[in-house]
């Protein structure tokens, strides 16, 4: 089995439906590690070689911290209206006030709304030392555009695949809550 190496994982996803003008993008950033991707913003919706060999050996076309990821998103065509972000259970720098201010400035620069997603609870019903109280500060910086998953502290052990990752049922609930939150922001509820 290949060892987990987040510096060489390219798990970003881009979807665009020009007929309905819908786009969804998923970028992964493991805590303090750099976000990175194979394609520059103007290339993401072009056909690509997605072979395993390409993914394994290709160098990133871009890489950087939280603000670099936000700037990457802000240059997409179409660019996202909303960006949901969270560092998960990985050690991160979201508790740094300067980083928080830089994130807010990057969202403002590109005219996107940042939404902070609170970290879900682990199987042992506890948050790691890198998350917790500071999440409320990040939420405040995002003008209280946040999604809380406090209900995950009440999940049973059988609702997890491992110590951190939830099974399909709780993930579906998260997705439904996210869609409901977007509907609320759009004035559709």
N, C-alpha and C. Protein backbone atom coordinates (compact mmCIF):
# COMPACT_ATOMS: atom_id res chain seq x y z
N UNK A 1 0.84 -1.19 0.00
CA UNK A 1 0.00 0.00 0.00
C UNK A 1 0.89 1.25 0.00
N UNK A 2 0.52 2.23 -0.79
CA UNK A 2 1.27 3.48 -0.87
C UNK A 2 1.05 4.30 0.39
N UNK A 3 2.11 4.84 0.99
CA UNK A 3 1.93 5.67 2.18
C UNK A 3 1.18 6.96 1.83
N UNK A 4 0.40 7.45 2.77
CA UNK A 4 -0.37 8.68 2.58
C UNK A 4 0.60 9.85 2.51
N UNK A 5 0.56 10.59 1.44
CA UNK A 5 1.46 11.71 1.23
C UNK A 5 0.66 12.92 0.74
N UNK A 6 0.16 13.75 1.66
CA UNK A 6 -0.71 14.86 1.26
C UNK A 6 -0.04 15.89 0.37
N UNK A 7 1.29 15.94 0.34
CA UNK A 7 1.98 16.89 -0.54
C UNK A 7 1.92 16.45 -2.00
N UNK A 8 1.58 15.18 -2.22
CA UNK A 8 1.52 14.65 -3.59
C UNK A 8 0.14 14.12 -3.95
N UNK A 9 -0.87 14.50 -3.20
CA UNK A 9 -2.24 14.12 -3.51
C UNK A 9 -2.87 15.26 -4.31
N UNK A 10 -3.42 14.91 -5.44
CA UNK A 10 -4.14 15.86 -6.28
C UNK A 10 -5.59 15.40 -6.31
N UNK A 11 -6.38 15.92 -5.41
CA UNK A 11 -7.76 15.47 -5.26
C UNK A 11 -8.75 16.58 -5.59
N UNK A 12 -8.33 17.57 -6.34
CA UNK A 12 -9.20 18.68 -6.70
C UNK A 12 -10.18 18.22 -7.78
N UNK A 13 -11.38 18.79 -7.73
CA UNK A 13 -12.41 18.44 -8.71
C UNK A 13 -13.08 19.70 -9.21
N UNK A 14 -13.31 19.74 -10.51
CA UNK A 14 -13.95 20.89 -11.15
C UNK A 14 -15.11 20.38 -12.01
N UNK A 15 -16.27 20.97 -11.84
CA UNK A 15 -17.43 20.62 -12.65
C UNK A 15 -18.07 21.90 -13.15
N UNK A 16 -18.45 21.93 -14.42
CA UNK A 16 -19.12 23.09 -14.98
C UNK A 16 -20.15 22.63 -16.00
N UNK A 17 -21.37 23.07 -15.83
CA UNK A 17 -22.47 22.81 -16.77
C UNK A 17 -22.85 24.15 -17.39
N UNK A 18 -22.32 24.45 -18.59
CA UNK A 18 -22.59 25.75 -19.19
C UNK A 18 -24.06 25.97 -19.56
N UNK A 19 -24.79 24.90 -19.82
CA UNK A 19 -26.21 25.04 -20.18
C UNK A 19 -27.01 25.60 -19.01
N UNK A 20 -26.74 25.08 -17.81
CA UNK A 20 -27.46 25.54 -16.62
C UNK A 20 -26.68 26.59 -15.83
N UNK A 21 -25.47 26.88 -16.30
CA UNK A 21 -24.57 27.82 -15.62
C UNK A 21 -24.33 27.41 -14.16
N UNK A 22 -24.10 26.13 -13.96
CA UNK A 22 -23.78 25.59 -12.64
C UNK A 22 -22.33 25.14 -12.62
N UNK A 23 -21.65 25.48 -11.57
CA UNK A 23 -20.29 24.97 -11.41
C UNK A 23 -20.07 24.62 -9.95
N UNK A 24 -19.30 23.58 -9.74
CA UNK A 24 -18.92 23.15 -8.40
C UNK A 24 -17.43 22.81 -8.46
N UNK A 25 -16.68 23.32 -7.51
CA UNK A 25 -15.26 23.04 -7.44
C UNK A 25 -14.92 22.57 -6.04
N UNK A 26 -14.07 21.58 -5.96
CA UNK A 26 -13.58 21.06 -4.69
C UNK A 26 -12.06 21.12 -4.72
N UNK A 27 -11.47 21.90 -3.83
CA UNK A 27 -10.02 21.93 -3.66
C UNK A 27 -9.72 21.37 -2.29
N UNK A 28 -8.69 20.58 -2.19
CA UNK A 28 -8.32 20.04 -0.89
C UNK A 28 -7.03 20.71 -0.41
N UNK A 29 -7.03 21.05 0.87
CA UNK A 29 -5.85 21.64 1.50
C UNK A 29 -5.74 21.01 2.88
N UNK A 30 -4.66 20.32 3.12
CA UNK A 30 -4.47 19.63 4.39
C UNK A 30 -3.79 20.55 5.40
N UNK A 31 -4.59 21.28 6.16
CA UNK A 31 -4.06 22.12 7.22
C UNK A 31 -3.01 23.11 6.75
N UNK A 32 -1.82 23.06 7.36
CA UNK A 32 -0.74 24.00 7.03
C UNK A 32 -0.07 23.68 5.70
N UNK A 33 -0.30 22.52 5.18
CA UNK A 33 0.32 22.16 3.89
C UNK A 33 -0.28 23.02 2.78
N UNK A 34 0.46 23.16 1.70
CA UNK A 34 0.00 24.00 0.61
C UNK A 34 -1.14 23.33 -0.17
N UNK A 35 -2.10 24.15 -0.58
CA UNK A 35 -3.06 23.71 -1.59
C UNK A 35 -2.28 23.67 -2.89
N UNK A 36 -2.65 22.79 -3.81
CA UNK A 36 -1.94 22.72 -5.07
C UNK A 36 -2.81 22.03 -6.11
N UNK A 37 -2.48 22.27 -7.37
CA UNK A 37 -3.25 21.65 -8.43
C UNK A 37 -2.49 21.55 -9.73
N UNK A 38 -2.98 20.70 -10.62
CA UNK A 38 -2.34 20.46 -11.92
C UNK A 38 -2.60 21.58 -12.92
N UNK A 39 -3.71 22.30 -12.77
CA UNK A 39 -4.13 23.21 -13.82
C UNK A 39 -4.30 24.63 -13.32
N UNK A 40 -3.94 25.56 -14.16
CA UNK A 40 -4.18 26.98 -13.89
C UNK A 40 -5.67 27.25 -14.13
N UNK A 41 -6.21 28.34 -13.57
CA UNK A 41 -7.65 28.58 -13.68
C UNK A 41 -8.21 28.52 -15.10
N UNK A 42 -7.47 29.04 -16.07
CA UNK A 42 -7.98 29.06 -17.45
C UNK A 42 -7.97 27.67 -18.09
N UNK A 43 -7.36 26.68 -17.43
CA UNK A 43 -7.24 25.33 -18.00
C UNK A 43 -8.19 24.31 -17.40
N UNK A 44 -8.84 24.63 -16.30
CA UNK A 44 -9.55 23.59 -15.55
C UNK A 44 -10.70 22.94 -16.31
N UNK A 45 -11.37 23.67 -17.20
CA UNK A 45 -12.51 23.09 -17.90
C UNK A 45 -12.16 22.57 -19.28
N UNK A 46 -10.88 22.44 -19.58
CA UNK A 46 -10.42 21.85 -20.83
C UNK A 46 -10.24 20.34 -20.64
N UNK A 47 -10.27 19.57 -21.72
CA UNK A 47 -10.00 18.12 -21.60
C UNK A 47 -8.56 17.90 -21.10
N UNK A 48 -8.39 16.88 -20.25
CA UNK A 48 -7.08 16.60 -19.67
C UNK A 48 -6.75 15.12 -19.73
N UNK A 49 -5.47 14.82 -19.67
CA UNK A 49 -4.99 13.46 -19.53
C UNK A 49 -5.08 13.10 -18.05
N UNK A 50 -5.97 12.21 -17.71
CA UNK A 50 -6.18 11.88 -16.30
C UNK A 50 -5.62 10.51 -15.94
N UNK A 51 -4.62 10.07 -16.67
CA UNK A 51 -4.03 8.77 -16.40
C UNK A 51 -3.35 8.76 -15.04
N UNK A 52 -3.24 7.59 -14.49
CA UNK A 52 -2.57 7.43 -13.19
C UNK A 52 -1.12 7.90 -13.28
N UNK A 53 -0.46 7.62 -14.40
CA UNK A 53 0.93 8.04 -14.57
C UNK A 53 1.03 9.55 -14.52
N UNK A 54 0.12 10.23 -15.20
CA UNK A 54 0.14 11.69 -15.21
C UNK A 54 -0.04 12.23 -13.79
N UNK A 55 -1.03 11.71 -13.10
CA UNK A 55 -1.31 12.20 -11.74
C UNK A 55 -0.16 11.91 -10.79
N UNK A 56 0.51 10.81 -10.98
CA UNK A 56 1.58 10.42 -10.06
C UNK A 56 2.84 11.27 -10.25
N UNK A 57 3.14 11.67 -11.48
CA UNK A 57 4.42 12.31 -11.74
C UNK A 57 4.35 13.79 -12.10
N UNK A 58 3.16 14.29 -12.39
CA UNK A 58 3.06 15.70 -12.79
C UNK A 58 3.35 16.63 -11.62
N UNK A 59 4.05 17.69 -11.91
CA UNK A 59 4.32 18.73 -10.91
C UNK A 59 3.11 19.64 -10.82
N UNK A 60 2.88 20.25 -9.68
CA UNK A 60 1.75 21.18 -9.59
C UNK A 60 1.98 22.41 -10.47
N UNK A 61 0.90 22.88 -11.08
CA UNK A 61 0.96 24.11 -11.88
C UNK A 61 0.86 25.33 -10.96
N UNK A 62 0.28 25.13 -9.78
CA UNK A 62 0.18 26.20 -8.80
C UNK A 62 0.18 25.57 -7.41
N UNK A 63 0.60 26.34 -6.42
CA UNK A 63 0.61 25.88 -5.03
C UNK A 63 0.66 27.10 -4.12
N UNK A 64 0.12 26.96 -2.93
CA UNK A 64 0.19 28.06 -1.99
C UNK A 64 -0.71 27.88 -0.79
N UNK A 65 -0.75 28.91 0.04
CA UNK A 65 -1.51 28.87 1.29
C UNK A 65 -3.00 29.10 1.02
N UNK A 66 -3.74 29.43 2.08
CA UNK A 66 -5.19 29.65 1.96
C UNK A 66 -5.51 30.72 0.92
N UNK A 67 -4.77 31.83 0.97
CA UNK A 67 -5.10 32.93 0.06
C UNK A 67 -4.76 32.56 -1.39
N UNK A 68 -3.73 31.76 -1.61
CA UNK A 68 -3.43 31.30 -2.97
C UNK A 68 -4.57 30.44 -3.50
N UNK A 69 -5.12 29.60 -2.64
CA UNK A 69 -6.26 28.77 -3.06
C UNK A 69 -7.47 29.64 -3.39
N UNK A 70 -7.72 30.66 -2.57
CA UNK A 70 -8.85 31.57 -2.82
C UNK A 70 -8.62 32.33 -4.12
N UNK A 71 -7.42 32.78 -4.35
CA UNK A 71 -7.11 33.50 -5.60
C UNK A 71 -7.27 32.58 -6.81
N UNK A 72 -6.87 31.32 -6.67
CA UNK A 72 -7.06 30.34 -7.75
C UNK A 72 -8.56 30.24 -8.07
N UNK A 73 -9.37 30.09 -7.04
CA UNK A 73 -10.82 30.00 -7.25
C UNK A 73 -11.38 31.28 -7.87
N UNK A 74 -10.88 32.43 -7.43
CA UNK A 74 -11.38 33.71 -7.91
C UNK A 74 -11.06 33.97 -9.37
N UNK A 75 -10.12 33.22 -9.93
CA UNK A 75 -9.76 33.39 -11.34
C UNK A 75 -10.46 32.39 -12.26
N UNK A 76 -11.24 31.46 -11.67
CA UNK A 76 -11.98 30.51 -12.50
C UNK A 76 -13.06 31.25 -13.28
N UNK A 77 -13.41 30.71 -14.43
CA UNK A 77 -14.52 31.25 -15.21
C UNK A 77 -15.50 30.13 -15.45
N UNK A 78 -16.67 30.13 -14.84
CA UNK A 78 -17.14 31.15 -13.90
C UNK A 78 -16.49 30.94 -12.52
N UNK A 79 -16.39 32.04 -11.80
CA UNK A 79 -15.82 31.93 -10.46
C UNK A 79 -16.93 31.60 -9.46
N UNK A 80 -16.58 30.98 -8.36
CA UNK A 80 -17.59 30.64 -7.37
C UNK A 80 -18.17 31.89 -6.71
N UNK A 81 -19.43 31.79 -6.36
CA UNK A 81 -20.08 32.84 -5.58
C UNK A 81 -19.78 32.60 -4.10
N UNK A 82 -19.80 31.33 -3.71
CA UNK A 82 -19.56 30.92 -2.33
C UNK A 82 -18.36 29.98 -2.28
N UNK A 83 -17.58 30.10 -1.22
CA UNK A 83 -16.46 29.19 -0.98
C UNK A 83 -16.57 28.69 0.45
N UNK A 84 -16.74 27.39 0.60
CA UNK A 84 -16.80 26.76 1.92
C UNK A 84 -15.40 26.24 2.22
N UNK A 85 -14.89 26.56 3.41
CA UNK A 85 -13.52 26.11 3.73
C UNK A 85 -13.43 25.63 5.17
N UNK A 86 -12.45 24.75 5.39
CA UNK A 86 -12.19 24.16 6.69
C UNK A 86 -10.87 23.40 6.59
N UNK A 87 -10.12 23.35 7.67
CA UNK A 87 -8.84 22.64 7.67
C UNK A 87 -8.95 21.22 8.20
N UNK A 88 -10.10 20.84 8.68
CA UNK A 88 -10.26 19.50 9.20
C UNK A 88 -9.47 19.29 10.48
N UNK A 89 -9.07 18.06 10.70
CA UNK A 89 -8.33 17.70 11.93
C UNK A 89 -6.82 17.84 11.77
N UNK A 90 -6.39 18.42 10.68
CA UNK A 90 -4.96 18.60 10.43
C UNK A 90 -4.45 19.85 11.14
N UNK A 91 -3.23 19.85 11.64
CA UNK A 91 -2.66 21.08 12.22
C UNK A 91 -2.73 22.20 11.16
N UNK A 92 -3.18 23.37 11.58
CA UNK A 92 -3.39 24.44 10.60
C UNK A 92 -3.10 25.80 11.21
N UNK A 93 -3.21 26.82 10.38
CA UNK A 93 -2.93 28.19 10.80
C UNK A 93 -4.17 29.08 10.78
N UNK A 94 -5.35 28.50 10.79
CA UNK A 94 -6.57 29.31 10.78
C UNK A 94 -6.77 30.08 12.09
N UNK A 95 -6.06 29.71 13.14
CA UNK A 95 -6.14 30.45 14.40
C UNK A 95 -5.29 31.72 14.40
N UNK A 96 -4.47 31.90 13.40
CA UNK A 96 -3.59 33.07 13.28
C UNK A 96 -4.40 34.26 12.78
N UNK A 97 -4.53 35.34 13.60
CA UNK A 97 -5.32 36.50 13.18
C UNK A 97 -4.87 37.12 11.86
N UNK A 98 -3.57 37.12 11.60
CA UNK A 98 -3.08 37.67 10.33
C UNK A 98 -3.57 36.83 9.16
N UNK A 99 -3.54 35.50 9.31
CA UNK A 99 -4.02 34.61 8.24
C UNK A 99 -5.52 34.83 8.04
N UNK A 100 -6.27 34.98 9.13
CA UNK A 100 -7.71 35.23 9.02
C UNK A 100 -7.97 36.50 8.23
N UNK A 101 -7.21 37.57 8.53
CA UNK A 101 -7.39 38.83 7.81
C UNK A 101 -7.02 38.70 6.33
N UNK A 102 -5.97 37.92 6.04
CA UNK A 102 -5.58 37.70 4.66
C UNK A 102 -6.65 36.92 3.89
N UNK A 103 -7.27 35.96 4.56
CA UNK A 103 -8.35 35.19 3.94
C UNK A 103 -9.53 36.10 3.63
N UNK A 104 -9.93 36.91 4.60
CA UNK A 104 -11.04 37.85 4.39
C UNK A 104 -10.71 38.79 3.22
N UNK A 105 -9.50 39.33 3.17
CA UNK A 105 -9.09 40.24 2.10
C UNK A 105 -9.13 39.55 0.74
N UNK A 106 -8.71 38.28 0.68
CA UNK A 106 -8.72 37.55 -0.60
C UNK A 106 -10.15 37.33 -1.08
N UNK A 107 -11.06 36.99 -0.17
CA UNK A 107 -12.46 36.83 -0.57
C UNK A 107 -13.01 38.15 -1.09
N UNK A 108 -12.70 39.24 -0.40
CA UNK A 108 -13.18 40.56 -0.83
C UNK A 108 -12.59 40.95 -2.18
N UNK A 109 -11.30 40.68 -2.37
CA UNK A 109 -10.61 41.02 -3.62
C UNK A 109 -11.30 40.38 -4.83
N UNK A 110 -11.78 39.15 -4.67
CA UNK A 110 -12.39 38.43 -5.78
C UNK A 110 -13.92 38.41 -5.73
N UNK A 111 -14.51 39.12 -4.78
CA UNK A 111 -15.96 39.22 -4.73
C UNK A 111 -16.67 37.90 -4.47
N UNK A 112 -16.07 37.08 -3.60
CA UNK A 112 -16.68 35.80 -3.24
C UNK A 112 -17.02 35.82 -1.75
N UNK A 113 -18.01 35.05 -1.37
CA UNK A 113 -18.38 34.96 0.04
C UNK A 113 -17.76 33.71 0.66
N UNK A 114 -16.96 33.89 1.70
CA UNK A 114 -16.39 32.77 2.42
C UNK A 114 -17.37 32.26 3.45
N UNK A 115 -17.51 30.94 3.51
CA UNK A 115 -18.36 30.28 4.50
C UNK A 115 -17.47 29.31 5.25
N UNK A 116 -17.39 29.47 6.56
CA UNK A 116 -16.56 28.56 7.34
C UNK A 116 -17.37 27.35 7.76
N UNK A 117 -16.83 26.18 7.53
CA UNK A 117 -17.45 24.93 7.93
C UNK A 117 -16.76 24.45 9.21
N UNK A 118 -17.52 24.38 10.30
CA UNK A 118 -16.94 23.89 11.55
C UNK A 118 -16.48 22.46 11.37
N UNK A 119 -15.45 22.10 12.07
CA UNK A 119 -14.89 20.75 12.01
C UNK A 119 -15.84 19.77 12.68
N UNK A 120 -16.03 18.63 12.05
CA UNK A 120 -16.88 17.59 12.64
C UNK A 120 -16.13 16.92 13.79
N UNK A 121 -16.89 16.32 14.67
CA UNK A 121 -16.28 15.61 15.80
C UNK A 121 -15.71 14.28 15.34
N UNK A 122 -14.67 13.86 16.03
CA UNK A 122 -14.07 12.56 15.76
C UNK A 122 -14.94 11.47 16.36
N UNK A 123 -14.62 10.26 16.03
CA UNK A 123 -15.37 9.10 16.54
C UNK A 123 -15.39 9.10 18.07
N UNK A 124 -14.32 9.53 18.68
CA UNK A 124 -14.23 9.56 20.15
C UNK A 124 -14.97 10.77 20.74
N UNK A 125 -15.71 11.50 19.89
CA UNK A 125 -16.53 12.65 20.30
C UNK A 125 -15.71 13.78 20.92
N UNK A 126 -14.57 14.01 20.32
CA UNK A 126 -13.76 15.13 20.77
C UNK A 126 -13.12 15.80 19.56
N UNK A 127 -12.86 17.07 19.72
CA UNK A 127 -12.13 17.80 18.69
C UNK A 127 -10.66 17.72 19.02
N UNK A 128 -9.82 17.80 18.01
CA UNK A 128 -8.38 17.75 18.25
C UNK A 128 -7.91 19.09 18.81
N UNK A 129 -6.68 19.13 19.26
CA UNK A 129 -6.13 20.35 19.83
C UNK A 129 -5.99 21.50 18.85
N UNK A 130 -6.10 21.23 17.54
CA UNK A 130 -5.93 22.29 16.55
C UNK A 130 -7.25 22.95 16.19
N UNK A 131 -8.35 22.45 16.70
CA UNK A 131 -9.64 23.04 16.39
C UNK A 131 -10.40 23.26 17.69
N UNK A 132 -11.53 23.92 17.63
CA UNK A 132 -12.33 24.17 18.81
C UNK A 132 -12.69 25.63 18.92
N UNK A 133 -12.25 26.29 20.01
CA UNK A 133 -12.62 27.68 20.26
C UNK A 133 -12.23 28.62 19.12
N UNK A 134 -11.08 28.38 18.50
CA UNK A 134 -10.65 29.28 17.43
C UNK A 134 -11.61 29.25 16.25
N UNK A 135 -12.38 28.19 16.10
CA UNK A 135 -13.34 28.13 15.01
C UNK A 135 -14.39 29.23 15.12
N UNK A 136 -14.77 29.57 16.33
CA UNK A 136 -15.75 30.65 16.52
C UNK A 136 -15.17 32.00 16.08
N UNK A 137 -13.88 32.18 16.26
CA UNK A 137 -13.22 33.41 15.82
C UNK A 137 -13.23 33.48 14.29
N UNK A 138 -12.91 32.36 13.63
CA UNK A 138 -12.93 32.33 12.17
C UNK A 138 -14.35 32.59 11.67
N UNK A 139 -15.33 32.01 12.32
CA UNK A 139 -16.73 32.23 11.96
C UNK A 139 -17.08 33.72 12.05
N UNK A 140 -16.65 34.34 13.11
CA UNK A 140 -16.90 35.78 13.29
C UNK A 140 -16.25 36.59 12.17
N UNK A 141 -15.03 36.22 11.79
CA UNK A 141 -14.33 36.92 10.70
C UNK A 141 -15.09 36.78 9.38
N UNK A 142 -15.80 35.68 9.22
CA UNK A 142 -16.58 35.45 8.00
C UNK A 142 -17.97 36.08 8.13
N UNK A 143 -18.12 37.01 9.06
CA UNK A 143 -19.40 37.70 9.31
C UNK A 143 -20.50 36.69 9.64
N UNK A 144 -20.14 35.67 10.38
CA UNK A 144 -21.04 34.63 10.87
C UNK A 144 -21.65 33.79 9.75
N UNK A 145 -20.97 33.74 8.59
CA UNK A 145 -21.37 32.81 7.53
C UNK A 145 -20.65 31.50 7.86
N UNK A 146 -21.34 30.64 8.57
CA UNK A 146 -20.73 29.41 9.08
C UNK A 146 -21.76 28.30 9.08
N UNK A 147 -21.24 27.10 9.01
CA UNK A 147 -22.08 25.92 9.14
C UNK A 147 -21.51 25.10 10.30
N UNK A 148 -22.35 24.84 11.28
CA UNK A 148 -21.91 24.07 12.45
C UNK A 148 -22.39 22.63 12.32
N UNK A 149 -21.52 21.72 12.66
CA UNK A 149 -21.88 20.31 12.66
C UNK A 149 -21.76 19.74 14.08
N UNK A 150 -22.25 20.51 15.06
CA UNK A 150 -22.20 20.06 16.45
C UNK A 150 -22.91 18.73 16.66
N UNK A 151 -23.90 18.46 15.83
CA UNK A 151 -24.64 17.20 15.96
C UNK A 151 -23.73 15.98 15.78
N UNK A 152 -22.54 16.17 15.17
CA UNK A 152 -21.66 15.02 14.96
C UNK A 152 -21.09 14.48 16.28
N UNK A 153 -21.17 15.28 17.36
CA UNK A 153 -20.67 14.76 18.64
C UNK A 153 -21.61 13.68 19.20
N UNK A 154 -22.82 13.58 18.62
CA UNK A 154 -23.78 12.58 19.09
C UNK A 154 -23.86 11.35 18.19
N UNK A 155 -22.97 11.25 17.22
CA UNK A 155 -22.98 10.09 16.34
C UNK A 155 -22.46 8.86 17.06
N UNK A 156 -22.98 7.72 16.66
CA UNK A 156 -22.49 6.46 17.23
C UNK A 156 -21.21 6.03 16.51
N UNK A 157 -20.46 5.16 17.13
CA UNK A 157 -19.21 4.67 16.55
C UNK A 157 -19.46 4.00 15.20
N UNK A 158 -20.62 3.38 15.02
CA UNK A 158 -20.91 2.68 13.77
C UNK A 158 -21.14 3.64 12.60
N UNK A 159 -21.24 4.93 12.87
CA UNK A 159 -21.44 5.91 11.81
C UNK A 159 -20.12 6.48 11.28
N UNK A 160 -19.01 5.86 11.68
CA UNK A 160 -17.67 6.27 11.22
C UNK A 160 -17.00 5.12 10.49
N UNK A 161 -16.22 5.46 9.46
CA UNK A 161 -15.39 4.48 8.77
C UNK A 161 -14.10 4.21 9.55
N UNK A 162 -13.63 5.25 10.24
CA UNK A 162 -12.42 5.16 11.03
C UNK A 162 -12.56 6.19 12.16
N UNK A 163 -11.46 6.64 12.73
CA UNK A 163 -11.54 7.58 13.86
C UNK A 163 -12.04 8.97 13.47
N UNK A 164 -11.96 9.33 12.20
CA UNK A 164 -12.27 10.69 11.76
C UNK A 164 -13.35 10.74 10.69
N UNK A 165 -13.33 9.83 9.75
CA UNK A 165 -14.18 9.91 8.56
C UNK A 165 -15.53 9.23 8.77
N UNK A 166 -16.59 9.99 8.52
CA UNK A 166 -17.94 9.50 8.72
C UNK A 166 -18.41 8.67 7.53
N UNK A 167 -19.42 7.85 7.79
CA UNK A 167 -20.03 7.04 6.73
C UNK A 167 -21.02 7.89 5.92
N UNK A 168 -21.66 7.27 4.97
CA UNK A 168 -22.52 7.95 4.02
C UNK A 168 -23.68 8.72 4.67
N UNK A 169 -24.34 8.15 5.65
CA UNK A 169 -25.50 8.81 6.26
C UNK A 169 -25.19 10.20 6.82
N UNK A 170 -24.20 10.32 7.71
CA UNK A 170 -23.85 11.65 8.21
C UNK A 170 -23.34 12.60 7.13
N UNK A 171 -22.63 12.08 6.15
CA UNK A 171 -22.14 12.94 5.06
C UNK A 171 -23.32 13.46 4.25
N UNK A 172 -24.32 12.62 4.02
CA UNK A 172 -25.51 13.08 3.31
C UNK A 172 -26.20 14.19 4.10
N UNK A 173 -26.28 14.03 5.41
CA UNK A 173 -26.88 15.09 6.25
C UNK A 173 -26.07 16.39 6.13
N UNK A 174 -24.75 16.29 6.15
CA UNK A 174 -23.91 17.48 5.96
C UNK A 174 -24.22 18.16 4.64
N UNK A 175 -24.29 17.38 3.57
CA UNK A 175 -24.58 17.93 2.25
C UNK A 175 -25.95 18.61 2.21
N UNK A 176 -26.94 17.97 2.82
CA UNK A 176 -28.28 18.55 2.84
C UNK A 176 -28.29 19.87 3.62
N UNK A 177 -27.55 19.93 4.72
CA UNK A 177 -27.46 21.17 5.49
C UNK A 177 -26.75 22.27 4.70
N UNK A 178 -25.72 21.89 3.96
CA UNK A 178 -25.00 22.85 3.14
C UNK A 178 -25.91 23.42 2.04
N UNK A 179 -26.65 22.55 1.38
CA UNK A 179 -27.58 23.01 0.34
C UNK A 179 -28.65 23.91 0.94
N UNK A 180 -29.17 23.55 2.10
CA UNK A 180 -30.18 24.40 2.76
C UNK A 180 -29.59 25.76 3.12
N UNK A 181 -28.33 25.77 3.54
CA UNK A 181 -27.67 27.04 3.88
C UNK A 181 -27.52 27.91 2.64
N UNK A 182 -27.10 27.31 1.52
CA UNK A 182 -26.99 28.06 0.26
C UNK A 182 -28.34 28.62 -0.17
N UNK A 183 -29.38 27.81 -0.02
CA UNK A 183 -30.73 28.27 -0.39
C UNK A 183 -31.11 29.49 0.46
N UNK A 184 -30.75 29.43 1.73
CA UNK A 184 -31.04 30.55 2.63
C UNK A 184 -30.29 31.80 2.17
N UNK A 185 -29.01 31.65 1.83
CA UNK A 185 -28.23 32.80 1.37
C UNK A 185 -28.81 33.39 0.06
N UNK A 186 -29.38 32.52 -0.77
CA UNK A 186 -29.97 32.96 -2.03
C UNK A 186 -31.41 33.47 -1.86
N UNK A 187 -31.92 33.39 -0.62
CA UNK A 187 -33.30 33.83 -0.38
C UNK A 187 -34.34 32.87 -0.92
N UNK A 188 -34.00 31.60 -1.01
CA UNK A 188 -34.92 30.59 -1.59
C UNK A 188 -35.68 29.80 -0.53
N UNK A 189 -35.39 30.00 0.74
CA UNK A 189 -36.11 29.25 1.79
C UNK A 189 -37.31 30.01 2.28
